[in-house]
């Protein structure tokens, strides 16, 4: 019984530990994903505001971060334009007025036109297409529109890498703590073990102490039965003494079985 209780204790402790580690790592990854997405939105917004080019330096984040500024970083560190992979498509009504692909070598003007055609019917705003994060802004008054596409591949790779590392660290952390938890479970269950041992000792002692008076009562009833044969009171007492003797023997037997074969 004690081993089963210890296994349950260890199992519950490990489950609680796994839950805590999982929640913490999940929170870290969620914040990381949000920050990446927030930075990407800010960069796309700045490119659109700067008429299709990326401003240099460290600029404040866009209004999307206003709610989170007390908790997360408040500035977006914009990399030099040559390291940012993006392309821009400008439109006036249904006519493409300009395509800029100088900041990305993997996309041609025709490819950029095809990407723009795919999202032209969509509502303005942010979205995903293939491995690109885009920002589509349209001015209904003038009919001008701009589509900015930013390569999201590196951010996706870094996000997946952080998730993989977090998972590996979490597994290693839980495995390393499993052994100390097992050792601590012995100390935690020590009072229970002492209580069970005292209970067994009490049953054994009580069994031995009860055998003597039961034997005396049984002997006295035998004498009375010889003096007063077929007396119902004597016979009833003899039956109860016999039942009580069997009960004591069973208790002592069970106590010895637990000592010889602990569960």
Protein backbone atom coordinates (compact mmCIF):
# COMPACT_ATOMS: atom_id res chain seq x y z
CA UNK A 1 0.00 0.00 0.00
CA UNK A 2 2.80 2.40 0.87
CA UNK A 3 4.52 1.86 -2.49
CA UNK A 4 1.27 2.50 -4.35
CA UNK A 5 0.79 5.68 -2.34
CA UNK A 6 4.34 6.76 -3.14
CA UNK A 7 3.83 6.10 -6.85
CA UNK A 8 0.63 8.17 -6.80
CA UNK A 9 2.45 10.97 -4.97
CA UNK A 10 5.28 10.99 -7.53
CA UNK A 11 2.82 10.83 -10.43
CA UNK A 12 0.77 13.78 -9.16
CA UNK A 13 3.94 15.79 -8.45
CA UNK A 14 5.32 15.15 -11.95
CA UNK A 15 1.99 16.01 -13.57
CA UNK A 16 1.89 19.29 -11.63
CA UNK A 17 5.50 19.99 -12.59
CA UNK A 18 4.84 19.27 -16.27
CA UNK A 19 1.78 21.53 -16.18
CA UNK A 20 3.72 24.43 -14.64
CA UNK A 21 6.63 24.07 -17.07
CA UNK A 22 4.27 23.73 -20.05
CA UNK A 23 2.29 26.85 -19.07
CA UNK A 24 5.48 28.89 -18.57
CA UNK A 25 7.04 27.80 -21.87
CA UNK A 26 3.74 28.29 -23.68
CA UNK A 27 3.51 31.81 -22.28
CA UNK A 28 7.07 32.59 -23.43
CA UNK A 29 6.31 31.33 -26.94
CA UNK A 30 3.01 33.21 -27.13
CA UNK A 31 4.72 36.45 -26.11
CA UNK A 32 7.48 35.77 -28.64
CA UNK A 33 4.96 35.14 -31.43
CA UNK A 34 3.05 38.27 -30.53
CA UNK A 35 6.22 40.36 -30.46
CA UNK A 36 7.38 39.03 -33.84
CA UNK A 37 3.98 39.72 -35.35
CA UNK A 38 3.82 43.17 -33.76
CA UNK A 39 7.27 44.08 -35.10
CA UNK A 40 6.36 42.80 -38.55
CA UNK A 41 3.15 44.83 -38.58
CA UNK A 42 5.08 47.91 -37.48
CA UNK A 43 7.67 47.48 -40.23
CA UNK A 44 4.99 46.94 -42.88
CA UNK A 45 3.13 50.00 -41.64
CA UNK A 46 6.29 52.12 -41.72
CA UNK A 47 7.15 50.99 -45.25
CA UNK A 48 3.65 51.91 -46.40
CA UNK A 49 3.86 55.27 -44.61
CA UNK A 50 7.26 55.93 -46.20
CA UNK A 51 5.81 55.41 -49.69
CA UNK A 52 7.25 51.95 -50.22
CA UNK A 53 10.73 52.26 -48.68
CA UNK A 54 12.04 51.30 -45.27
CA UNK A 55 13.26 54.13 -43.05
CA UNK A 56 16.58 53.60 -41.29
CA UNK A 57 17.21 53.73 -37.55
CA UNK A 58 15.18 52.76 -34.52
CA UNK A 59 11.62 53.99 -34.67
CA UNK A 60 8.74 53.80 -32.27
CA UNK A 61 6.33 50.95 -32.78
CA UNK A 62 2.98 51.52 -34.39
CA UNK A 63 -0.29 52.14 -32.64
CA UNK A 64 -0.88 48.36 -32.48
CA UNK A 65 1.58 48.19 -29.58
CA UNK A 66 0.09 51.05 -27.59
CA UNK A 67 -1.81 48.74 -25.25
CA UNK A 68 1.23 46.55 -24.64
CA UNK A 69 3.92 49.23 -24.24
CA UNK A 70 4.02 48.98 -20.41
CA UNK A 71 4.80 45.25 -20.72
CA UNK A 72 6.80 44.80 -23.94
CA UNK A 73 9.55 46.75 -25.61
CA UNK A 74 8.32 50.02 -27.10
CA UNK A 75 10.63 50.37 -30.06
CA UNK A 76 11.21 48.36 -33.20
CA UNK A 77 14.81 48.06 -34.26
CA UNK A 78 14.61 48.31 -38.02
CA UNK A 79 17.44 46.52 -39.83
CA UNK A 80 19.18 48.16 -42.77
CA UNK A 81 17.12 48.05 -45.92
CA UNK A 82 19.46 45.60 -47.63
CA UNK A 83 18.76 42.95 -44.98
CA UNK A 84 14.97 43.29 -45.08
CA UNK A 85 13.39 41.18 -47.80
CA UNK A 86 10.29 42.95 -49.05
CA UNK A 87 8.61 44.16 -52.20
CA UNK A 88 5.97 46.78 -52.88
CA UNK A 89 3.12 47.09 -55.37
CA UNK A 90 1.33 50.42 -55.90
CA UNK A 91 -2.03 50.79 -57.59
CA UNK A 92 -4.42 53.47 -58.70
CA UNK A 93 -7.86 51.99 -59.04
CA UNK A 94 -7.37 48.69 -60.89
CA UNK A 95 -4.12 49.76 -62.56
CA UNK A 96 -0.68 48.91 -61.20
CA UNK A 97 1.37 52.12 -61.12
CA UNK A 98 4.59 50.79 -59.65
CA UNK A 99 6.37 47.62 -58.54
CA UNK A 100 9.51 47.66 -56.37
CA UNK A 101 11.47 44.41 -56.00
CA UNK A 102 14.94 45.84 -55.41
CA UNK A 103 15.00 44.58 -51.81
CA UNK A 104 14.31 40.95 -52.65
CA UNK A 105 16.00 38.83 -55.31
CA UNK A 106 13.68 35.83 -55.19
CA UNK A 107 10.67 37.76 -56.49
CA UNK A 108 10.41 39.26 -59.96
CA UNK A 109 8.06 42.02 -61.05
CA UNK A 110 5.78 39.39 -62.59
CA UNK A 111 5.73 37.43 -59.33
CA UNK A 112 4.94 40.61 -57.42
CA UNK A 113 2.09 41.36 -59.81
CA UNK A 114 0.67 37.86 -59.29
CA UNK A 115 0.82 38.22 -55.50
CA UNK A 116 -0.93 41.58 -55.75
CA UNK A 117 -3.62 40.06 -57.98
CA UNK A 118 -4.34 37.38 -55.38
CA UNK A 119 -5.07 39.85 -52.58
CA UNK A 120 -6.57 42.66 -54.69
CA UNK A 121 -10.11 41.46 -53.97
CA UNK A 122 -9.46 41.09 -50.24
CA UNK A 123 -10.33 43.68 -47.62
CA UNK A 124 -7.49 46.08 -46.74
CA UNK A 125 -5.42 45.11 -43.74
CA UNK A 126 -2.78 42.60 -42.69
CA UNK A 127 -2.56 39.01 -43.80
CA UNK A 128 -0.43 36.06 -44.87
CA UNK A 129 0.25 34.69 -48.33
CA UNK A 130 2.75 31.87 -48.79
CA UNK A 131 5.80 32.84 -46.69
CA UNK A 132 5.02 36.55 -46.80
CA UNK A 133 3.29 38.87 -44.38
CA UNK A 134 1.52 41.66 -46.21
CA UNK A 135 -0.14 44.99 -45.54
CA UNK A 136 -2.78 46.21 -47.96
CA UNK A 137 -3.89 49.83 -47.66
CA UNK A 138 -6.37 51.57 -49.92
CA UNK A 139 -7.60 55.15 -50.04
CA UNK A 140 -11.16 55.08 -51.36
CA UNK A 141 -11.19 58.84 -51.83
CA UNK A 142 -8.24 58.95 -54.24
CA UNK A 143 -8.31 55.36 -55.46
CA UNK A 144 -4.62 54.91 -54.55
CA UNK A 145 -3.52 51.67 -52.91
CA UNK A 146 -0.26 50.15 -51.74
CA UNK A 147 0.62 46.53 -50.98
CA UNK A 148 3.73 45.77 -48.97
CA UNK A 149 4.98 42.16 -48.77
CA UNK A 150 7.60 41.20 -46.18
CA UNK A 151 9.42 37.86 -46.15
CA UNK A 152 8.29 36.10 -42.97
CA UNK A 153 10.51 33.05 -43.39
CA UNK A 154 13.23 34.05 -40.93
CA UNK A 155 10.74 35.01 -38.24
CA UNK A 156 8.93 31.72 -38.74
CA UNK A 157 12.19 29.79 -38.49
CA UNK A 158 13.18 31.60 -35.30
CA UNK A 159 9.72 31.01 -33.82
CA UNK A 160 9.86 27.29 -34.60
CA UNK A 161 13.41 27.09 -33.26
CA UNK A 162 12.39 28.73 -30.00
CA UNK A 163 9.43 26.34 -29.71
CA UNK A 164 11.72 23.33 -30.31
CA UNK A 165 14.30 24.55 -27.81
CA UNK A 166 11.56 25.27 -25.26
CA UNK A 167 10.17 21.77 -25.68
CA UNK A 168 13.63 20.20 -25.31
CA UNK A 169 14.44 22.31 -22.24
CA UNK A 170 11.07 21.44 -20.71
CA UNK A 171 11.58 17.69 -21.22
CA UNK A 172 15.13 17.80 -19.82
CA UNK A 173 13.96 19.90 -16.86
CA UNK A 174 11.16 17.46 -15.99
CA UNK A 175 13.46 14.43 -16.36
CA UNK A 176 16.12 15.99 -14.14
CA UNK A 177 13.58 16.85 -11.46
CA UNK A 178 11.83 13.48 -11.53
CA UNK A 179 14.57 11.78 -9.45
CA UNK A 180 14.65 14.47 -6.69
CA UNK A 181 10.85 14.31 -6.55
CA UNK A 182 11.05 10.55 -6.04
CA UNK A 183 13.56 10.99 -3.22
CA UNK A 184 11.52 13.72 -1.57
CA UNK A 185 8.42 11.53 -1.75
CA UNK A 186 10.04 9.14 0.75
CA UNK A 187 10.48 11.94 3.27
CA UNK A 188 6.98 13.24 2.61
CA UNK A 189 5.46 9.80 3.22
CA UNK A 190 7.61 9.02 6.27
CA UNK A 191 4.82 10.03 8.76
CA UNK A 192 2.35 7.85 6.87
CA UNK A 193 4.78 4.95 7.00
CA UNK A 194 5.22 5.35 10.76
CA UNK A 195 1.46 5.51 11.22
CA UNK A 196 0.94 2.29 9.24
CA UNK A 197 3.68 0.52 11.21
CA UNK A 198 2.12 1.62 14.51
CA UNK A 199 -1.26 0.41 13.27
CA UNK A 200 0.18 -3.01 12.42
CA UNK A 201 1.92 -3.20 15.78
CA UNK A 202 -1.30 -2.25 17.57
CA UNK A 203 -3.23 -5.01 15.77
CA UNK A 204 -0.56 -7.57 16.63
CA UNK A 205 -0.40 -6.51 20.28
CA UNK A 206 -4.18 -6.36 20.58
CA UNK A 207 -4.47 -9.85 19.10
CA UNK A 208 -2.05 -11.31 21.60
CA UNK A 209 -3.67 -9.46 24.50
CA UNK A 210 -7.15 -10.64 23.55
CA UNK A 211 -6.18 -14.28 23.18
CA UNK A 212 -5.60 -14.75 26.91
CA UNK A 213 -8.97 -13.44 28.20
CA UNK A 214 -10.79 -15.25 25.39
CA UNK A 215 -9.09 -18.49 26.35
CA UNK A 216 -10.06 -17.96 29.99
CA UNK A 217 -13.67 -17.19 29.07
CA UNK A 218 -13.80 -20.25 26.79
CA UNK A 219 -12.45 -22.47 29.60
CA UNK A 220 -14.95 -21.09 32.09
CA UNK A 221 -17.81 -21.67 29.67
CA UNK A 222 -16.70 -25.27 29.18
CA UNK A 223 -16.79 -25.82 32.94
CA UNK A 224 -20.24 -24.24 33.19
CA UNK A 225 -21.43 -26.36 30.31
CA UNK A 226 -20.42 -29.49 32.19
CA UNK A 227 -22.20 -28.28 35.35
CA UNK A 228 -25.26 -26.93 33.53
CA UNK A 229 -25.64 -28.89 30.29
CA UNK A 230 -27.56 -27.39 27.37
CA UNK A 231 -27.81 -23.96 28.97
CA UNK A 232 -28.72 -21.46 26.19
CA UNK A 233 -26.79 -18.61 27.84
CA UNK A 234 -23.65 -20.69 28.11
CA UNK A 235 -23.95 -21.91 24.53
CA UNK A 236 -24.48 -18.37 23.22
CA UNK A 237 -21.40 -17.14 25.06
CA UNK A 238 -19.35 -20.04 23.68
CA UNK A 239 -20.40 -19.14 20.12
CA UNK A 240 -19.46 -15.49 20.62
CA UNK A 241 -16.11 -16.45 22.12
CA UNK A 242 -15.42 -18.71 19.14
CA UNK A 243 -16.31 -15.92 16.67
CA UNK A 244 -14.19 -13.43 18.60
CA UNK A 245 -11.24 -15.85 18.58
CA UNK A 246 -11.50 -16.30 14.81
CA UNK A 247 -11.65 -12.53 14.30
CA UNK A 248 -8.52 -12.01 16.39
CA UNK A 249 -6.67 -14.75 14.48
CA UNK A 250 -7.64 -13.19 11.14
CA UNK A 251 -6.44 -9.74 12.24
CA UNK A 252 -3.10 -11.14 13.38
CA UNK A 253 -2.80 -13.15 10.16
CA UNK A 254 -3.46 -10.11 7.98
CA UNK A 255 -0.93 -8.07 9.93
CA UNK A 256 1.73 -10.74 9.43
CA UNK A 257 0.90 -11.06 5.72
CA UNK A 258 1.45 -7.30 5.20
CA UNK A 259 4.78 -7.51 7.00
CA UNK A 260 5.97 -10.47 4.90
CA UNK A 261 4.51 -9.23 1.57
CA UNK A 262 4.32 -5.41 1.66
CA UNK A 263 2.34 -3.83 -1.18
